[in-house]
Amino acid sequence: MNRLNSRYYPFDKIIIGYCKLMIILLLIFGRPLVNYVDEIFTYAIAGAIAILLPLALDESRGRLSAFFRLMYAAMLFGVFYRATGGIMFLVFDKFFDYQLVALETALYGIEPTLYIDYFLLSPVLNEIFSFCYFCYYLMIPVFLIVNLHFFNGLVVPALFLNRYR
């Protein structure tokens, strides 16, 4: 059992726990349940991948195995992001935009979105923000690729994984 448990990194355990939690929440709050079958299936498949992939791939067998062993977690970000769209109304059945605007107006005395739109909006600034938002999705995969290519896969284990300490 200890050998089997040692094949899982902390991020594997986090992904498995997250998938379990989301399935439980969907089963408890998802009414009618038929509306959430796709999300339950998505989290079940992602959890199965997180359970089975560490058993099937050994990153010490080569760069390609190490790439997929360490990158699958980053690849699941897109899956989880898309699944989140289907569960937006799991607990509450509406958006709370008007309450947020009222809170901002009470705190700041103005509506920040209108202020930004009127005084700070420019195509250049918009492009900078769009580029930064786009780069956010590339940070983890680029970090892992650089780690595998330039540092022979030692940075991630040394920083985040207790197995190499």
N, C-alpha and C. Protein backbone atom coordinates (compact mmCIF):
# COMPACT_ATOMS: atom_id res chain seq x y z
N MET A 1 0.82 -1.20 0.00
CA MET A 1 0.00 0.00 0.00
C MET A 1 0.86 1.26 0.00
N ASN A 2 1.96 1.23 0.76
CA ASN A 2 2.84 2.40 0.82
C ASN A 2 3.49 2.67 -0.52
N ARG A 3 3.88 1.59 -1.24
CA ARG A 3 4.48 1.76 -2.57
C ARG A 3 3.46 2.36 -3.54
N LEU A 4 2.22 1.90 -3.46
CA LEU A 4 1.16 2.43 -4.32
C LEU A 4 0.89 3.90 -4.00
N ASN A 5 0.85 4.23 -2.72
CA ASN A 5 0.62 5.61 -2.30
C ASN A 5 1.78 6.52 -2.70
N SER A 6 2.99 5.99 -2.78
CA SER A 6 4.14 6.81 -3.14
C SER A 6 4.15 7.18 -4.62
N ARG A 7 3.35 6.53 -5.43
CA ARG A 7 3.28 6.87 -6.85
C ARG A 7 2.48 8.14 -7.09
N TYR A 8 1.74 8.57 -6.10
CA TYR A 8 0.90 9.76 -6.24
C TYR A 8 1.60 10.98 -5.66
N TYR A 9 1.67 12.02 -6.47
CA TYR A 9 2.19 13.29 -6.00
C TYR A 9 1.07 14.04 -5.27
N PRO A 10 1.43 15.09 -4.54
CA PRO A 10 0.38 15.87 -3.88
C PRO A 10 -0.66 16.43 -4.85
N PHE A 11 -0.23 16.85 -6.05
CA PHE A 11 -1.23 17.39 -6.98
C PHE A 11 -2.17 16.30 -7.49
N ASP A 12 -1.71 15.04 -7.54
CA ASP A 12 -2.62 13.95 -7.90
C ASP A 12 -3.71 13.81 -6.85
N LYS A 13 -3.30 13.84 -5.59
CA LYS A 13 -4.26 13.70 -4.49
C LYS A 13 -5.24 14.87 -4.45
N ILE A 14 -4.75 16.06 -4.77
CA ILE A 14 -5.63 17.24 -4.80
C ILE A 14 -6.67 17.10 -5.91
N ILE A 15 -6.25 16.66 -7.08
CA ILE A 15 -7.18 16.48 -8.20
C ILE A 15 -8.21 15.41 -7.87
N ILE A 16 -7.78 14.30 -7.30
CA ILE A 16 -8.71 13.23 -6.93
C ILE A 16 -9.70 13.74 -5.89
N GLY A 17 -9.21 14.44 -4.87
CA GLY A 17 -10.09 15.00 -3.85
C GLY A 17 -11.07 16.02 -4.42
N TYR A 18 -10.59 16.87 -5.32
CA TYR A 18 -11.46 17.87 -5.95
C TYR A 18 -12.57 17.19 -6.75
N CYS A 19 -12.22 16.18 -7.51
CA CYS A 19 -13.23 15.48 -8.31
C CYS A 19 -14.26 14.80 -7.41
N LYS A 20 -13.80 14.17 -6.32
CA LYS A 20 -14.73 13.56 -5.38
C LYS A 20 -15.67 14.61 -4.78
N LEU A 21 -15.09 15.72 -4.35
CA LEU A 21 -15.89 16.79 -3.75
C LEU A 21 -16.94 17.32 -4.72
N MET A 22 -16.54 17.56 -5.96
CA MET A 22 -17.48 18.09 -6.94
C MET A 22 -18.60 17.10 -7.24
N ILE A 23 -18.27 15.82 -7.33
CA ILE A 23 -19.31 14.82 -7.58
C ILE A 23 -20.29 14.78 -6.41
N ILE A 24 -19.78 14.82 -5.18
CA ILE A 24 -20.65 14.82 -4.00
C ILE A 24 -21.54 16.06 -3.99
N LEU A 25 -20.96 17.23 -4.26
CA LEU A 25 -21.76 18.47 -4.30
C LEU A 25 -22.83 18.42 -5.38
N LEU A 26 -22.47 17.87 -6.54
CA LEU A 26 -23.45 17.76 -7.62
C LEU A 26 -24.57 16.80 -7.24
N LEU A 27 -24.24 15.72 -6.56
CA LEU A 27 -25.27 14.77 -6.15
C LEU A 27 -26.17 15.35 -5.07
N ILE A 28 -25.61 16.19 -4.20
CA ILE A 28 -26.41 16.79 -3.12
C ILE A 28 -27.27 17.95 -3.63
N PHE A 29 -26.65 18.89 -4.35
CA PHE A 29 -27.34 20.12 -4.73
C PHE A 29 -27.92 20.12 -6.14
N GLY A 30 -27.49 19.23 -6.97
CA GLY A 30 -27.90 19.25 -8.38
C GLY A 30 -29.31 18.75 -8.59
N ARG A 31 -30.23 19.67 -8.63
CA ARG A 31 -31.63 19.32 -8.86
C ARG A 31 -32.19 20.12 -10.01
N PRO A 32 -32.79 19.52 -10.98
CA PRO A 32 -32.88 18.09 -11.23
C PRO A 32 -31.52 17.52 -11.64
N LEU A 33 -31.23 16.34 -11.16
CA LEU A 33 -29.93 15.72 -11.36
C LEU A 33 -29.61 15.47 -12.82
N VAL A 34 -30.63 15.30 -13.64
CA VAL A 34 -30.42 15.04 -15.06
C VAL A 34 -29.71 16.23 -15.75
N ASN A 35 -29.83 17.43 -15.18
CA ASN A 35 -29.15 18.60 -15.76
C ASN A 35 -27.65 18.59 -15.51
N TYR A 36 -27.18 17.74 -14.61
CA TYR A 36 -25.77 17.74 -14.23
C TYR A 36 -25.05 16.44 -14.57
N VAL A 37 -25.64 15.62 -15.41
CA VAL A 37 -25.03 14.35 -15.78
C VAL A 37 -23.69 14.57 -16.49
N ASP A 38 -23.62 15.55 -17.39
CA ASP A 38 -22.36 15.82 -18.10
C ASP A 38 -21.25 16.20 -17.13
N GLU A 39 -21.56 17.04 -16.14
CA GLU A 39 -20.55 17.47 -15.18
C GLU A 39 -20.10 16.31 -14.29
N ILE A 40 -21.05 15.49 -13.86
CA ILE A 40 -20.69 14.32 -13.04
C ILE A 40 -19.79 13.39 -13.83
N PHE A 41 -20.14 13.16 -15.09
CA PHE A 41 -19.34 12.31 -15.95
C PHE A 41 -17.94 12.91 -16.15
N THR A 42 -17.86 14.22 -16.36
CA THR A 42 -16.58 14.90 -16.56
C THR A 42 -15.68 14.75 -15.34
N TYR A 43 -16.22 15.00 -14.16
CA TYR A 43 -15.42 14.87 -12.94
C TYR A 43 -15.04 13.42 -12.66
N ALA A 44 -15.91 12.48 -12.99
CA ALA A 44 -15.59 11.07 -12.79
C ALA A 44 -14.44 10.64 -13.71
N ILE A 45 -14.49 11.07 -14.96
CA ILE A 45 -13.42 10.73 -15.90
C ILE A 45 -12.10 11.39 -15.48
N ALA A 46 -12.15 12.68 -15.08
CA ALA A 46 -10.94 13.36 -14.64
C ALA A 46 -10.36 12.69 -13.40
N GLY A 47 -11.21 12.29 -12.47
CA GLY A 47 -10.74 11.58 -11.29
C GLY A 47 -10.12 10.24 -11.64
N ALA A 48 -10.73 9.53 -12.58
CA ALA A 48 -10.18 8.24 -13.03
C ALA A 48 -8.82 8.44 -13.69
N ILE A 49 -8.68 9.50 -14.46
CA ILE A 49 -7.38 9.80 -15.08
C ILE A 49 -6.34 10.06 -13.99
N ALA A 50 -6.72 10.83 -12.97
CA ALA A 50 -5.79 11.16 -11.89
C ALA A 50 -5.43 9.92 -11.07
N ILE A 51 -6.30 8.93 -11.01
CA ILE A 51 -6.00 7.70 -10.28
C ILE A 51 -5.16 6.76 -11.12
N LEU A 52 -5.50 6.60 -12.40
CA LEU A 52 -4.87 5.59 -13.24
C LEU A 52 -3.57 6.04 -13.90
N LEU A 53 -3.47 7.31 -14.27
CA LEU A 53 -2.28 7.76 -14.99
C LEU A 53 -1.00 7.61 -14.17
N PRO A 54 -0.98 7.94 -12.88
CA PRO A 54 0.25 7.72 -12.11
C PRO A 54 0.65 6.25 -12.03
N LEU A 55 -0.32 5.35 -12.11
CA LEU A 55 0.00 3.93 -12.08
C LEU A 55 0.53 3.45 -13.43
N ALA A 56 0.09 4.09 -14.50
CA ALA A 56 0.47 3.65 -15.85
C ALA A 56 1.77 4.28 -16.34
N LEU A 57 2.05 5.50 -15.91
CA LEU A 57 3.23 6.20 -16.41
C LEU A 57 4.28 6.37 -15.31
N ASP A 58 5.51 6.06 -15.65
CA ASP A 58 6.63 6.28 -14.75
C ASP A 58 7.53 7.33 -15.39
N GLU A 59 7.64 8.50 -14.75
CA GLU A 59 8.40 9.59 -15.37
C GLU A 59 9.88 9.31 -15.49
N SER A 60 10.38 8.29 -14.82
CA SER A 60 11.80 7.96 -14.94
C SER A 60 12.10 7.15 -16.20
N ARG A 61 11.07 6.76 -16.94
CA ARG A 61 11.28 5.96 -18.15
C ARG A 61 11.57 6.79 -19.40
N GLY A 62 11.53 8.10 -19.30
CA GLY A 62 11.84 8.93 -20.46
C GLY A 62 11.13 10.25 -20.41
N ARG A 63 11.53 11.12 -21.32
CA ARG A 63 10.97 12.47 -21.34
C ARG A 63 9.49 12.50 -21.69
N LEU A 64 9.07 11.65 -22.61
CA LEU A 64 7.67 11.65 -23.02
C LEU A 64 6.78 11.18 -21.86
N SER A 65 7.19 10.16 -21.16
CA SER A 65 6.44 9.72 -19.98
C SER A 65 6.42 10.80 -18.91
N ALA A 66 7.55 11.43 -18.69
CA ALA A 66 7.62 12.50 -17.68
C ALA A 66 6.75 13.67 -18.09
N PHE A 67 6.76 13.99 -19.38
CA PHE A 67 5.94 15.10 -19.88
C PHE A 67 4.47 14.86 -19.57
N PHE A 68 3.95 13.69 -19.97
CA PHE A 68 2.53 13.42 -19.76
C PHE A 68 2.21 13.19 -18.29
N ARG A 69 3.15 12.62 -17.54
CA ARG A 69 2.91 12.38 -16.11
C ARG A 69 2.75 13.69 -15.34
N LEU A 70 3.58 14.68 -15.69
CA LEU A 70 3.54 15.95 -14.99
C LEU A 70 2.59 16.95 -15.64
N MET A 71 2.33 16.82 -16.92
CA MET A 71 1.50 17.80 -17.63
C MET A 71 0.01 17.49 -17.60
N TYR A 72 -0.37 16.28 -17.27
CA TYR A 72 -1.80 15.96 -17.33
C TYR A 72 -2.60 16.87 -16.39
N ALA A 73 -2.01 17.24 -15.27
CA ALA A 73 -2.71 18.13 -14.33
C ALA A 73 -2.98 19.48 -14.97
N ALA A 74 -1.99 20.01 -15.69
CA ALA A 74 -2.18 21.29 -16.37
C ALA A 74 -3.19 21.15 -17.51
N MET A 75 -3.20 20.00 -18.16
CA MET A 75 -4.15 19.77 -19.25
C MET A 75 -5.59 19.68 -18.72
N LEU A 76 -5.75 19.25 -17.48
CA LEU A 76 -7.09 19.14 -16.91
C LEU A 76 -7.67 20.50 -16.53
N PHE A 77 -6.84 21.55 -16.46
CA PHE A 77 -7.36 22.88 -16.14
C PHE A 77 -8.46 23.30 -17.11
N GLY A 78 -8.25 23.06 -18.39
CA GLY A 78 -9.27 23.41 -19.38
C GLY A 78 -10.55 22.62 -19.19
N VAL A 79 -10.42 21.36 -18.84
CA VAL A 79 -11.60 20.52 -18.59
C VAL A 79 -12.38 21.04 -17.38
N PHE A 80 -11.65 21.35 -16.30
CA PHE A 80 -12.31 21.85 -15.10
C PHE A 80 -12.94 23.23 -15.34
N TYR A 81 -12.26 24.06 -16.10
CA TYR A 81 -12.79 25.40 -16.40
C TYR A 81 -14.10 25.29 -17.16
N ARG A 82 -14.13 24.40 -18.13
CA ARG A 82 -15.35 24.22 -18.93
C ARG A 82 -16.48 23.62 -18.08
N ALA A 83 -16.15 22.68 -17.20
CA ALA A 83 -17.16 22.06 -16.35
C ALA A 83 -17.74 23.08 -15.36
N THR A 84 -16.96 24.06 -14.97
CA THR A 84 -17.44 25.09 -14.05
C THR A 84 -18.61 25.87 -14.65
N GLY A 85 -18.60 26.07 -15.96
CA GLY A 85 -19.69 26.78 -16.61
C GLY A 85 -21.03 26.09 -16.43
N GLY A 86 -21.02 24.77 -16.33
CA GLY A 86 -22.26 24.04 -16.17
C GLY A 86 -22.80 24.02 -14.75
N ILE A 87 -21.97 24.44 -13.79
CA ILE A 87 -22.41 24.39 -12.40
C ILE A 87 -22.52 25.78 -11.77
N MET A 88 -22.59 26.81 -12.60
CA MET A 88 -22.69 28.17 -12.08
C MET A 88 -23.92 28.36 -11.18
N PHE A 89 -25.00 27.72 -11.52
CA PHE A 89 -26.24 27.90 -10.76
C PHE A 89 -26.54 26.69 -9.88
N LEU A 90 -25.52 26.00 -9.43
CA LEU A 90 -25.72 24.82 -8.61
C LEU A 90 -26.37 25.16 -7.28
N VAL A 91 -25.89 26.20 -6.61
CA VAL A 91 -26.42 26.56 -5.30
C VAL A 91 -27.43 27.71 -5.41
N PHE A 92 -27.07 28.75 -6.14
CA PHE A 92 -27.96 29.90 -6.32
C PHE A 92 -28.43 29.94 -7.76
N ASP A 93 -29.68 30.29 -7.97
CA ASP A 93 -30.26 30.22 -9.31
C ASP A 93 -30.18 31.52 -10.09
N LYS A 94 -29.37 32.48 -9.64
CA LYS A 94 -29.28 33.76 -10.34
C LYS A 94 -27.91 34.38 -10.11
N PHE A 95 -27.62 35.38 -10.92
CA PHE A 95 -26.40 36.16 -10.73
C PHE A 95 -26.64 37.23 -9.67
N PHE A 96 -25.58 37.70 -9.05
CA PHE A 96 -25.68 38.72 -8.02
C PHE A 96 -25.02 40.02 -8.46
N ASP A 97 -25.13 40.33 -9.73
CA ASP A 97 -24.48 41.52 -10.26
C ASP A 97 -25.02 42.81 -9.64
N TYR A 98 -26.32 42.92 -9.53
CA TYR A 98 -26.87 44.17 -9.02
C TYR A 98 -26.49 44.39 -7.55
N GLN A 99 -26.37 43.31 -6.76
CA GLN A 99 -25.92 43.48 -5.38
C GLN A 99 -24.46 43.92 -5.32
N LEU A 100 -23.64 43.37 -6.23
CA LEU A 100 -22.23 43.76 -6.28
C LEU A 100 -22.07 45.22 -6.68
N VAL A 101 -22.84 45.66 -7.65
CA VAL A 101 -22.80 47.07 -8.06
C VAL A 101 -23.24 47.98 -6.92
N ALA A 102 -24.27 47.59 -6.20
CA ALA A 102 -24.74 48.38 -5.05
C ALA A 102 -23.68 48.43 -3.96
N LEU A 103 -22.99 47.33 -3.71
CA LEU A 103 -21.92 47.31 -2.70
C LEU A 103 -20.76 48.21 -3.12
N GLU A 104 -20.34 48.11 -4.38
CA GLU A 104 -19.25 48.97 -4.87
C GLU A 104 -19.63 50.45 -4.78
N THR A 105 -20.84 50.78 -5.13
CA THR A 105 -21.29 52.17 -5.06
C THR A 105 -21.31 52.64 -3.60
N ALA A 106 -21.73 51.78 -2.69
CA ALA A 106 -21.75 52.15 -1.27
C ALA A 106 -20.34 52.32 -0.73
N LEU A 107 -19.41 51.48 -1.16
CA LEU A 107 -18.04 51.55 -0.65
C LEU A 107 -17.24 52.70 -1.25
N TYR A 108 -17.36 52.87 -2.57
CA TYR A 108 -16.50 53.83 -3.27
C TYR A 108 -17.20 55.13 -3.63
N GLY A 109 -18.50 55.17 -3.59
CA GLY A 109 -19.23 56.37 -3.97
C GLY A 109 -19.41 56.50 -5.47
N ILE A 110 -18.85 55.59 -6.23
CA ILE A 110 -19.00 55.57 -7.68
C ILE A 110 -19.18 54.11 -8.12
N GLU A 111 -19.55 53.92 -9.37
CA GLU A 111 -19.57 52.58 -9.94
C GLU A 111 -18.24 52.38 -10.68
N PRO A 112 -17.35 51.56 -10.15
CA PRO A 112 -16.01 51.42 -10.73
C PRO A 112 -16.00 51.02 -12.21
N THR A 113 -16.92 50.17 -12.63
CA THR A 113 -16.92 49.77 -14.04
C THR A 113 -17.23 50.95 -14.96
N LEU A 114 -18.16 51.79 -14.55
CA LEU A 114 -18.46 52.98 -15.37
C LEU A 114 -17.31 53.97 -15.34
N TYR A 115 -16.66 54.10 -14.18
CA TYR A 115 -15.50 55.00 -14.08
C TYR A 115 -14.38 54.53 -14.99
N ILE A 116 -14.07 53.25 -14.95
CA ILE A 116 -13.02 52.69 -15.81
C ILE A 116 -13.40 52.86 -17.27
N ASP A 117 -14.66 52.60 -17.59
CA ASP A 117 -15.13 52.72 -18.96
C ASP A 117 -15.02 54.15 -19.46
N TYR A 118 -15.29 55.11 -18.60
CA TYR A 118 -15.29 56.52 -19.02
C TYR A 118 -13.88 57.11 -19.04
N PHE A 119 -13.04 56.83 -18.04
CA PHE A 119 -11.76 57.50 -17.90
C PHE A 119 -10.55 56.66 -18.34
N LEU A 120 -10.60 55.36 -18.22
CA LEU A 120 -9.40 54.55 -18.43
C LEU A 120 -9.46 53.64 -19.65
N LEU A 121 -10.56 53.62 -20.36
CA LEU A 121 -10.69 52.70 -21.48
C LEU A 121 -9.88 53.18 -22.68
N SER A 122 -9.04 52.31 -23.17
CA SER A 122 -8.28 52.59 -24.39
C SER A 122 -7.97 51.27 -25.07
N PRO A 123 -7.83 51.26 -26.37
CA PRO A 123 -7.51 50.01 -27.07
C PRO A 123 -6.18 49.40 -26.62
N VAL A 124 -5.19 50.23 -26.34
CA VAL A 124 -3.88 49.73 -25.92
C VAL A 124 -4.00 49.02 -24.57
N LEU A 125 -4.66 49.65 -23.62
CA LEU A 125 -4.85 49.04 -22.31
C LEU A 125 -5.68 47.76 -22.41
N ASN A 126 -6.68 47.78 -23.24
CA ASN A 126 -7.50 46.60 -23.45
C ASN A 126 -6.67 45.44 -24.00
N GLU A 127 -5.79 45.73 -24.94
CA GLU A 127 -4.93 44.69 -25.51
C GLU A 127 -3.94 44.15 -24.47
N ILE A 128 -3.42 45.02 -23.63
CA ILE A 128 -2.50 44.59 -22.58
C ILE A 128 -3.23 43.65 -21.61
N PHE A 129 -4.42 44.03 -21.18
CA PHE A 129 -5.20 43.17 -20.27
C PHE A 129 -5.56 41.84 -20.94
N SER A 130 -5.93 41.88 -22.19
CA SER A 130 -6.27 40.65 -22.91
C SER A 130 -5.06 39.73 -23.03
N PHE A 131 -3.90 40.31 -23.30
CA PHE A 131 -2.68 39.51 -23.40
C PHE A 131 -2.32 38.89 -22.05
N CYS A 132 -2.46 39.65 -20.97
CA CYS A 132 -2.17 39.12 -19.64
C CYS A 132 -3.13 37.99 -19.29
N TYR A 133 -4.39 38.15 -19.62
CA TYR A 133 -5.38 37.11 -19.36
C TYR A 133 -5.06 35.85 -20.15
N PHE A 134 -4.64 36.02 -21.40
CA PHE A 134 -4.26 34.89 -22.24
C PHE A 134 -3.03 34.20 -21.68
N CYS A 135 -2.04 34.95 -21.23
CA CYS A 135 -0.80 34.37 -20.71
C CYS A 135 -1.02 33.57 -19.43
N TYR A 136 -2.04 33.90 -18.69
CA TYR A 136 -2.34 33.16 -17.46
C TYR A 136 -2.52 31.67 -17.76
N TYR A 137 -3.16 31.34 -18.87
CA TYR A 137 -3.42 29.95 -19.20
C TYR A 137 -2.16 29.23 -19.67
N LEU A 138 -1.15 29.96 -20.06
CA LEU A 138 0.08 29.34 -20.54
C LEU A 138 1.15 29.20 -19.46
N MET A 139 0.96 29.82 -18.32
CA MET A 139 2.01 29.85 -17.29
C MET A 139 2.41 28.45 -16.83
N ILE A 140 1.47 27.63 -16.44
CA ILE A 140 1.81 26.32 -15.90
C ILE A 140 2.37 25.39 -16.97
N PRO A 141 1.74 25.27 -18.15
CA PRO A 141 2.35 24.40 -19.17
C PRO A 141 3.75 24.86 -19.59
N VAL A 142 3.94 26.16 -19.74
CA VAL A 142 5.27 26.66 -20.14
C VAL A 142 6.29 26.37 -19.05
N PHE A 143 5.91 26.57 -17.79
CA PHE A 143 6.82 26.28 -16.69
C PHE A 143 7.22 24.80 -16.70
N LEU A 144 6.25 23.91 -16.90
CA LEU A 144 6.56 22.48 -16.90
C LEU A 144 7.39 22.07 -18.10
N ILE A 145 7.13 22.66 -19.26
CA ILE A 145 7.93 22.34 -20.45
C ILE A 145 9.37 22.81 -20.27
N VAL A 146 9.55 24.02 -19.76
CA VAL A 146 10.90 24.53 -19.50
C VAL A 146 11.60 23.65 -18.47
N ASN A 147 10.88 23.23 -17.44
CA ASN A 147 11.45 22.36 -16.43
C ASN A 147 11.93 21.05 -17.04
N LEU A 148 11.11 20.45 -17.88
CA LEU A 148 11.47 19.16 -18.48
C LEU A 148 12.60 19.31 -19.49
N HIS A 149 12.61 20.40 -20.23
CA HIS A 149 13.60 20.55 -21.30
C HIS A 149 14.96 21.03 -20.78
N PHE A 150 14.96 22.08 -19.98
CA PHE A 150 16.23 22.69 -19.58
C PHE A 150 16.81 22.15 -18.27
N PHE A 151 15.95 21.65 -17.39
CA PHE A 151 16.43 21.22 -16.08
C PHE A 151 16.26 19.72 -15.86
N ASN A 152 16.04 19.00 -16.93
CA ASN A 152 15.92 17.55 -16.89
C ASN A 152 14.85 17.08 -15.91
N GLY A 153 13.82 17.89 -15.75
CA GLY A 153 12.69 17.50 -14.92
C GLY A 153 12.95 17.55 -13.43
N LEU A 154 13.94 18.29 -12.97
CA LEU A 154 14.28 18.30 -11.55
C LEU A 154 13.70 19.46 -10.77
N VAL A 155 13.27 20.53 -11.44
CA VAL A 155 12.77 21.70 -10.73
C VAL A 155 11.43 21.40 -10.07
N VAL A 156 10.50 20.84 -10.80
CA VAL A 156 9.17 20.55 -10.23
C VAL A 156 9.29 19.58 -9.06
N PRO A 157 9.99 18.45 -9.21
CA PRO A 157 10.10 17.57 -8.04
C PRO A 157 10.77 18.24 -6.85
N ALA A 158 11.78 19.03 -7.09
CA ALA A 158 12.50 19.67 -5.99
C ALA A 158 11.63 20.72 -5.29
N LEU A 159 10.81 21.43 -6.04
CA LEU A 159 10.02 22.50 -5.45
C LEU A 159 8.71 22.02 -4.82
N PHE A 160 8.02 21.12 -5.50
CA PHE A 160 6.65 20.83 -5.12
C PHE A 160 6.40 19.41 -4.64
N LEU A 161 7.28 18.52 -4.89
CA LEU A 161 6.98 17.12 -4.64
C LEU A 161 7.88 16.57 -3.55
N ASN A 162 7.31 16.03 -2.53
CA ASN A 162 8.06 15.55 -1.38
C ASN A 162 8.88 14.30 -1.66
N ARG A 163 8.64 13.66 -2.77
CA ARG A 163 9.31 12.39 -3.06
C ARG A 163 10.82 12.56 -3.16
N TYR A 164 11.32 13.70 -3.61
CA TYR A 164 12.75 13.88 -3.86
C TYR A 164 13.49 14.55 -2.72
N ARG A 165 12.87 14.72 -1.59
CA ARG A 165 13.53 15.40 -0.45
C ARG A 165 14.15 14.41 0.48
